[in-house]
Amino acid sequence: MKKIFVLLVAIIFSMGIVAQETKMVKMKNHVMMKDGKMMMVKEGKMMMMYKDVTLADGSVVSSNGMVKMKNGKTMMMKNGDMMDMNGRMMVKMSDYLKMKDGKMMMMKNGKMVMMNKAMTMSNGTIVFPNGMIKMKNGKTMMMANGDKMYMNGMMKKRKMEKKMIHKK
């Protein structure tokens, strides 16, 4: 009888731990281009943008996706682009390009496929199938194995692995 009671307590305890680990992380308020339409996410609820929105940094986002920064520069948001209410572009983690085993791969909607043509990121950076990157300012560089480029043009360099030295 004691064994059954201990087993029951262990099961209930483990269910509590699992329930704690599955809490939803609330995404902060932002505007985004989704399926060619500007949307605003406020308190976790997505709604269509019908009028211009002024962000905390003074940038103005119009309902057609045109963003006018405080300094006068403009940019057009593309599908998947997200901007927080402070005027900073948010990284969309689901879609990216990655150099993997010497080949450029594209993660799109959860599927990894080989990249077969050049792609322009939302910041104007062009990524080529051989891993070459041409930035808007004309500078070029090559992606290394493990490097990622998100669709907004933000790059994440591979993590350097620490070499372990064993002393005898």
Protein backbone atom coordinates (compact mmCIF):
# COMPACT_ATOMS: atom_id res chain seq x y z
CA MET A 1 0.00 0.00 0.00
CA LYS A 2 2.89 2.37 0.85
CA LYS A 3 4.46 1.75 -2.57
CA ILE A 4 1.24 2.70 -4.36
CA PHE A 5 0.93 5.86 -2.26
CA VAL A 6 4.58 6.85 -2.97
CA LEU A 7 4.08 6.15 -6.70
CA LEU A 8 0.90 8.26 -6.74
CA VAL A 9 2.66 11.17 -4.99
CA ALA A 10 5.58 10.93 -7.45
CA ILE A 11 3.21 11.05 -10.44
CA ILE A 12 1.31 14.05 -9.07
CA PHE A 13 4.59 15.85 -8.30
CA SER A 14 5.98 15.22 -11.80
CA MET A 15 2.74 16.47 -13.39
CA GLY A 16 3.15 19.72 -11.46
CA ILE A 17 6.68 20.16 -12.78
CA VAL A 18 5.54 19.56 -16.38
CA ALA A 19 2.70 22.06 -15.95
CA GLN A 20 5.16 24.70 -14.73
CA GLU A 21 7.45 24.18 -17.74
CA THR A 22 4.69 24.70 -20.31
CA LYS A 23 3.75 28.27 -19.38
CA MET A 24 3.32 30.45 -22.45
CA VAL A 25 5.81 33.26 -22.94
CA LYS A 26 3.90 36.42 -23.75
CA MET A 27 5.28 38.29 -26.75
CA LYS A 28 5.65 42.03 -26.30
CA ASN A 29 3.43 44.49 -28.13
CA HIS A 30 4.49 45.09 -31.73
CA VAL A 31 3.39 45.82 -35.29
CA MET A 32 3.96 43.39 -38.11
CA MET A 33 3.33 42.74 -41.80
CA LYS A 34 1.32 39.53 -42.18
CA ASP A 35 0.00 38.31 -45.53
CA GLY A 36 0.44 41.80 -47.01
CA LYS A 37 -1.56 43.50 -44.24
CA MET A 38 -0.29 45.54 -41.30
CA MET A 39 -1.28 44.09 -37.95
CA MET A 40 -0.81 45.26 -34.37
CA VAL A 41 -0.31 42.81 -31.52
CA LYS A 42 -1.41 44.34 -28.22
CA GLU A 43 -1.61 42.35 -24.97
CA GLY A 44 -1.34 39.14 -27.01
CA LYS A 45 -4.25 40.00 -29.33
CA MET A 46 -3.68 40.58 -33.04
CA MET A 47 -5.75 43.23 -34.80
CA MET A 48 -5.68 44.94 -38.18
CA MET A 49 -4.01 48.37 -38.35
CA TYR A 50 -6.37 50.92 -39.90
CA LYS A 51 -4.46 54.10 -39.08
CA ASP A 52 -0.87 55.30 -38.61
CA VAL A 53 0.86 54.33 -35.37
CA THR A 54 3.55 56.52 -33.79
CA LEU A 55 6.14 54.51 -31.88
CA ALA A 56 8.05 55.57 -28.76
CA ASP A 57 11.16 56.61 -30.77
CA GLY A 58 9.07 58.90 -33.01
CA SER A 59 8.89 56.51 -35.99
CA VAL A 60 5.53 56.40 -37.74
CA VAL A 61 4.21 53.11 -39.17
CA SER A 62 1.44 53.48 -41.74
CA SER A 63 -1.31 50.96 -42.40
CA ASN A 64 0.29 50.10 -45.78
CA GLY A 65 3.59 49.08 -44.09
CA MET A 66 5.64 52.19 -44.84
CA VAL A 67 7.80 53.19 -41.86
CA LYS A 68 9.10 56.73 -41.57
CA MET A 69 11.88 57.02 -39.00
CA LYS A 70 12.44 60.11 -36.89
CA ASN A 71 15.54 60.94 -39.01
CA GLY A 72 13.36 61.03 -42.16
CA LYS A 73 14.50 57.71 -43.64
CA THR A 74 11.77 55.38 -44.86
CA MET A 75 11.47 51.64 -45.32
CA MET A 76 8.73 49.31 -46.46
CA MET A 77 7.93 46.39 -44.18
CA LYS A 78 7.78 42.97 -45.85
CA ASN A 79 5.82 39.87 -44.85
CA GLY A 80 7.07 38.60 -41.52
CA ASP A 81 8.76 41.86 -40.50
CA MET A 82 8.01 42.87 -36.92
CA MET A 83 8.79 46.09 -35.07
CA ASP A 84 8.38 46.62 -31.34
CA MET A 85 6.64 49.70 -29.95
CA ASN A 86 10.05 51.32 -29.33
CA GLY A 87 10.82 51.27 -33.08
CA ARG A 88 13.27 48.35 -33.07
CA MET A 89 13.04 45.56 -35.64
CA MET A 90 12.33 42.24 -33.96
CA VAL A 91 14.04 39.03 -35.00
CA LYS A 92 11.69 36.49 -36.48
CA MET A 93 13.29 33.30 -35.31
CA SER A 94 11.34 30.90 -37.46
CA ASP A 95 12.70 31.88 -40.90
CA TYR A 96 16.42 32.20 -41.56
CA LEU A 97 19.28 31.29 -43.88
CA LYS A 98 22.11 29.12 -42.57
CA MET A 99 25.45 27.87 -43.85
CA LYS A 100 25.40 24.15 -43.10
CA ASP A 101 28.17 21.79 -44.19
CA GLY A 102 29.30 24.28 -46.83
CA LYS A 103 25.81 24.70 -48.34
CA MET A 104 23.36 27.57 -47.90
CA MET A 105 20.11 26.32 -46.43
CA MET A 106 16.84 28.16 -45.89
CA MET A 107 14.49 27.51 -42.97
CA LYS A 108 11.02 28.51 -44.13
CA ASN A 109 7.88 27.68 -42.16
CA GLY A 110 9.72 25.00 -40.21
CA LYS A 111 11.22 23.24 -43.27
CA MET A 112 14.92 23.28 -44.19
CA VAL A 113 15.58 23.45 -47.94
CA MET A 114 18.67 24.20 -50.00
CA MET A 115 18.89 27.80 -51.19
CA ASN A 116 18.98 27.98 -55.00
CA LYS A 117 18.86 31.72 -55.76
CA ALA A 118 19.97 35.02 -54.22
CA MET A 119 17.66 36.52 -51.60
CA THR A 120 17.28 40.12 -50.48
CA MET A 121 16.69 40.62 -46.76
CA SER A 122 14.36 43.35 -45.49
CA ASN A 123 17.34 45.62 -44.69
CA GLY A 124 18.65 45.41 -48.29
CA THR A 125 21.37 42.81 -47.64
CA ILE A 126 21.64 40.22 -50.44
CA VAL A 127 22.59 36.63 -49.62
CA PHE A 128 23.82 34.39 -52.45
CA PRO A 129 23.58 30.56 -52.63
CA ASN A 130 27.38 30.25 -52.25
CA GLY A 131 27.22 32.02 -48.86
CA MET A 132 28.44 35.41 -50.03
CA ILE A 133 26.70 38.38 -48.42
CA LYS A 134 26.50 41.79 -50.07
CA MET A 135 25.43 44.51 -47.67
CA LYS A 136 23.49 47.60 -48.67
CA ASN A 137 26.69 49.68 -48.39
CA GLY A 138 28.40 47.42 -50.97
CA LYS A 139 30.69 45.54 -48.57
CA THR A 140 30.84 41.77 -48.97
CA MET A 141 31.66 38.86 -46.69
CA MET A 142 31.33 35.08 -46.66
CA MET A 143 29.19 33.16 -44.21
CA ALA A 144 30.99 30.47 -42.23
CA ASN A 145 29.61 27.07 -41.30
CA GLY A 146 26.92 27.53 -38.62
CA ASP A 147 26.29 31.24 -39.31
CA LYS A 148 22.64 32.32 -39.56
CA MET A 149 21.04 35.32 -41.26
CA TYR A 150 17.48 36.20 -40.30
CA MET A 151 15.09 37.63 -42.89
CA ASN A 152 15.48 41.12 -41.43
CA GLY A 153 19.22 40.99 -42.20
CA MET A 154 20.42 40.40 -38.65
CA MET A 155 23.28 37.92 -38.51
CA LYS A 156 24.11 35.40 -35.81
CA LYS A 157 27.64 34.05 -35.95
CA ARG A 158 28.25 30.42 -35.03
CA LYS A 159 29.24 29.70 -31.47
CA MET A 160 32.89 28.95 -31.10
CA GLU A 161 33.36 25.55 -29.54
CA LYS A 162 35.74 25.41 -26.62
CA LYS A 163 38.51 22.89 -27.10
CA MET A 164 39.06 20.73 -24.09
CA ILE A 165 42.67 20.03 -23.17
CA HIS A 166 43.11 16.94 -21.06
CA LYS A 167 46.17 16.85 -18.84
CA LYS A 168 47.51 13.57 -17.65
